[in-house]
Amino acid sequence: MTEKCVSIQVSGRVQGVAFRHHTQKTAENLGIKGYVKNMPDGSVYMEACGEESKMELFTDWCSKGPSLARVTNIHINDIPEFQADAFTVRY
């Protein structure tokens, strides 16, 4: 099993639409660890690690988000592997 870790920043209508909550649930369902948080510029930022095939599903989901979101831009970068016990929402 190959682990992949990425940072993801999504912008558009991504705050005030339960994006973080849905991201956490999606990550938990896929067995992905990391965190998600709102940024002062109105975007949502996350760092996530998981099995490569699951990460592909996760990043695909992030490019769309929950039904009320409107993702207009997404930046995905590979990052070094990190340790996390769960996928959390940071405030």
C-alpha atoms as a PDB file:
ATOM      1  CA  MET A   1       0.000   0.000   0.000  1.00  0.00           C
ATOM      2  CA  THR A   2       1.531   3.279  -1.133  1.00  0.00           C
ATOM      3  CA  GLU A   3       0.845   6.317   1.031  1.00  0.00           C
ATOM      4  CA  LYS A   4       0.378   9.710  -0.566  1.00  0.00           C
ATOM      5  CA  CYS A   5       0.279  13.006   1.292  1.00  0.00           C
ATOM      6  CA  VAL A   6      -0.938  16.279  -0.170  1.00  0.00           C
ATOM      7  CA  SER A   7      -1.904  19.797   0.745  1.00  0.00           C
ATOM      8  CA  ILE A   8      -5.082  21.025  -0.887  1.00  0.00           C
ATOM      9  CA  GLN A   9      -6.403  24.564  -1.053  1.00  0.00           C
ATOM     10  CA  VAL A  10      -9.850  25.142  -2.516  1.00  0.00           C
ATOM     11  CA  SER A  11     -11.433  28.487  -3.244  1.00  0.00           C
ATOM     12  CA  GLY A  12     -14.822  29.668  -4.402  1.00  0.00           C
ATOM     13  CA  ARG A  13     -17.967  29.399  -2.288  1.00  0.00           C
ATOM     14  CA  VAL A  14     -16.377  27.022   0.213  1.00  0.00           C
ATOM     15  CA  GLN A  15     -17.007  28.667   3.581  1.00  0.00           C
ATOM     16  CA  GLY A  16     -20.434  28.737   5.197  1.00  0.00           C
ATOM     17  CA  VAL A  17     -21.555  25.644   3.249  1.00  0.00           C
ATOM     18  CA  ALA A  18     -20.368  22.912   5.693  1.00  0.00           C
ATOM     19  CA  PHE A  19     -17.332  22.199   3.506  1.00  0.00           C
ATOM     20  CA  ARG A  20     -15.113  21.266   6.481  1.00  0.00           C
ATOM     21  CA  HIS A  21     -17.721  18.941   7.987  1.00  0.00           C
ATOM     22  CA  HIS A  22     -18.314  17.120   4.695  1.00  0.00           C
ATOM     23  CA  THR A  23     -14.566  16.958   4.023  1.00  0.00           C
ATOM     24  CA  GLN A  24     -14.025  15.324   7.425  1.00  0.00           C
ATOM     25  CA  LYS A  25     -16.776  12.755   6.805  1.00  0.00           C
ATOM     26  CA  THR A  26     -15.464  11.964   3.312  1.00  0.00           C
ATOM     27  CA  ALA A  27     -11.920  11.543   4.641  1.00  0.00           C
ATOM     28  CA  GLU A  28     -13.110   9.291   7.477  1.00  0.00           C
ATOM     29  CA  ASN A  29     -15.051   7.111   5.025  1.00  0.00           C
ATOM     30  CA  LEU A  30     -11.926   6.723   2.879  1.00  0.00           C
ATOM     31  CA  GLY A  31      -9.549   6.109   5.812  1.00  0.00           C
ATOM     32  CA  ILE A  32      -7.620   9.344   5.218  1.00  0.00           C
ATOM     33  CA  LYS A  33      -5.831  11.161   8.046  1.00  0.00           C
ATOM     34  CA  GLY A  34      -5.079  14.861   8.364  1.00  0.00           C
ATOM     35  CA  TYR A  35      -6.974  18.096   8.917  1.00  0.00           C
ATOM     36  CA  VAL A  36      -9.053  20.810   7.262  1.00  0.00           C
ATOM     37  CA  LYS A  37      -9.448  24.469   8.211  1.00  0.00           C
ATOM     38  CA  ASN A  38     -10.930  27.731   6.952  1.00  0.00           C
ATOM     39  CA  MET A  39      -8.443  30.376   5.860  1.00  0.00           C
ATOM     40  CA  PRO A  40      -8.751  34.149   6.358  1.00  0.00           C
ATOM     41  CA  ASP A  41      -8.886  34.702   2.562  1.00  0.00           C
ATOM     42  CA  GLY A  42     -12.127  32.671   2.299  1.00  0.00           C
ATOM     43  CA  SER A  43     -10.496  29.476   1.031  1.00  0.00           C
ATOM     44  CA  VAL A  44     -10.339  26.084   2.741  1.00  0.00           C
ATOM     45  CA  TYR A  45      -6.947  24.423   3.345  1.00  0.00           C
ATOM     46  CA  MET A  46      -6.240  20.813   4.218  1.00  0.00           C
ATOM     47  CA  GLU A  47      -3.391  18.366   4.579  1.00  0.00           C
ATOM     48  CA  ALA A  48      -4.215  14.729   4.034  1.00  0.00           C
ATOM     49  CA  CYS A  49      -2.438  11.357   3.909  1.00  0.00           C
ATOM     50  CA  GLY A  50      -3.802   8.042   2.773  1.00  0.00           C
ATOM     51  CA  GLU A  51      -3.603   5.154   0.383  1.00  0.00           C
ATOM     52  CA  GLU A  52      -2.850   6.487  -3.101  1.00  0.00           C
ATOM     53  CA  SER A  53      -6.068   5.183  -4.700  1.00  0.00           C
ATOM     54  CA  LYS A  54      -8.170   6.624  -1.846  1.00  0.00           C
ATOM     55  CA  MET A  55      -6.374   9.969  -2.129  1.00  0.00           C
ATOM     56  CA  GLU A  56      -7.378  10.161  -5.779  1.00  0.00           C
ATOM     57  CA  LEU A  57     -11.034   9.729  -4.775  1.00  0.00           C
ATOM     58  CA  PHE A  58     -10.589  12.306  -2.009  1.00  0.00           C
ATOM     59  CA  THR A  59      -9.010  14.960  -4.242  1.00  0.00           C
ATOM     60  CA  ASP A  60     -11.737  14.376  -6.847  1.00  0.00           C
ATOM     61  CA  TRP A  61     -14.352  14.981  -4.148  1.00  0.00           C
ATOM     62  CA  CYS A  62     -12.524  18.128  -2.961  1.00  0.00           C
ATOM     63  CA  SER A  63     -12.651  19.574  -6.469  1.00  0.00           C
ATOM     64  CA  LYS A  64     -16.461  19.538  -6.199  1.00  0.00           C
ATOM     65  CA  GLY A  65     -17.207  19.687  -2.467  1.00  0.00           C
ATOM     66  CA  PRO A  66     -20.656  19.366  -0.886  1.00  0.00           C
ATOM     67  CA  SER A  67     -23.778  20.294  -2.840  1.00  0.00           C
ATOM     68  CA  LEU A  68     -23.942  23.937  -1.653  1.00  0.00           C
ATOM     69  CA  ALA A  69     -20.274  24.632  -2.434  1.00  0.00           C
ATOM     70  CA  ARG A  70     -18.986  26.068  -5.699  1.00  0.00           C
ATOM     71  CA  VAL A  71     -15.279  25.254  -6.056  1.00  0.00           C
ATOM     72  CA  THR A  72     -13.692  27.613  -8.575  1.00  0.00           C
ATOM     73  CA  ASN A  73     -10.039  26.742  -7.982  1.00  0.00           C
ATOM     74  CA  ILE A  74      -8.077  23.913  -6.390  1.00  0.00           C
ATOM     75  CA  HIS A  75      -4.342  23.657  -5.740  1.00  0.00           C
ATOM     76  CA  ILE A  76      -2.898  20.250  -4.840  1.00  0.00           C
ATOM     77  CA  ASN A  77       0.739  19.795  -3.829  1.00  0.00           C
ATOM     78  CA  ASP A  78       2.618  16.718  -2.680  1.00  0.00           C
ATOM     79  CA  ILE A  79       3.970  17.084   0.851  1.00  0.00           C
ATOM     80  CA  PRO A  80       6.125  14.875   3.106  1.00  0.00           C
ATOM     81  CA  GLU A  81       4.356  12.091   4.961  1.00  0.00           C
ATOM     82  CA  PHE A  82       3.143  13.047   8.438  1.00  0.00           C
ATOM     83  CA  GLN A  83       1.565  11.261  11.374  1.00  0.00           C
ATOM     84  CA  ALA A  84      -2.065  11.809  12.320  1.00  0.00           C
ATOM     85  CA  ASP A  85      -4.546   9.641  14.213  1.00  0.00           C
ATOM     86  CA  ALA A  86      -7.676  10.914  12.473  1.00  0.00           C
ATOM     87  CA  PHE A  87      -8.989  13.576  10.119  1.00  0.00           C
ATOM     88  CA  THR A  88      -9.903  16.643  12.146  1.00  0.00           C
ATOM     89  CA  VAL A  89     -11.436  20.075  11.679  1.00  0.00           C
ATOM     90  CA  ARG A  90      -9.177  22.848  12.901  1.00  0.00           C
ATOM     91  CA  TYR A  91     -10.551  26.188  14.007  1.00  0.00           C
END
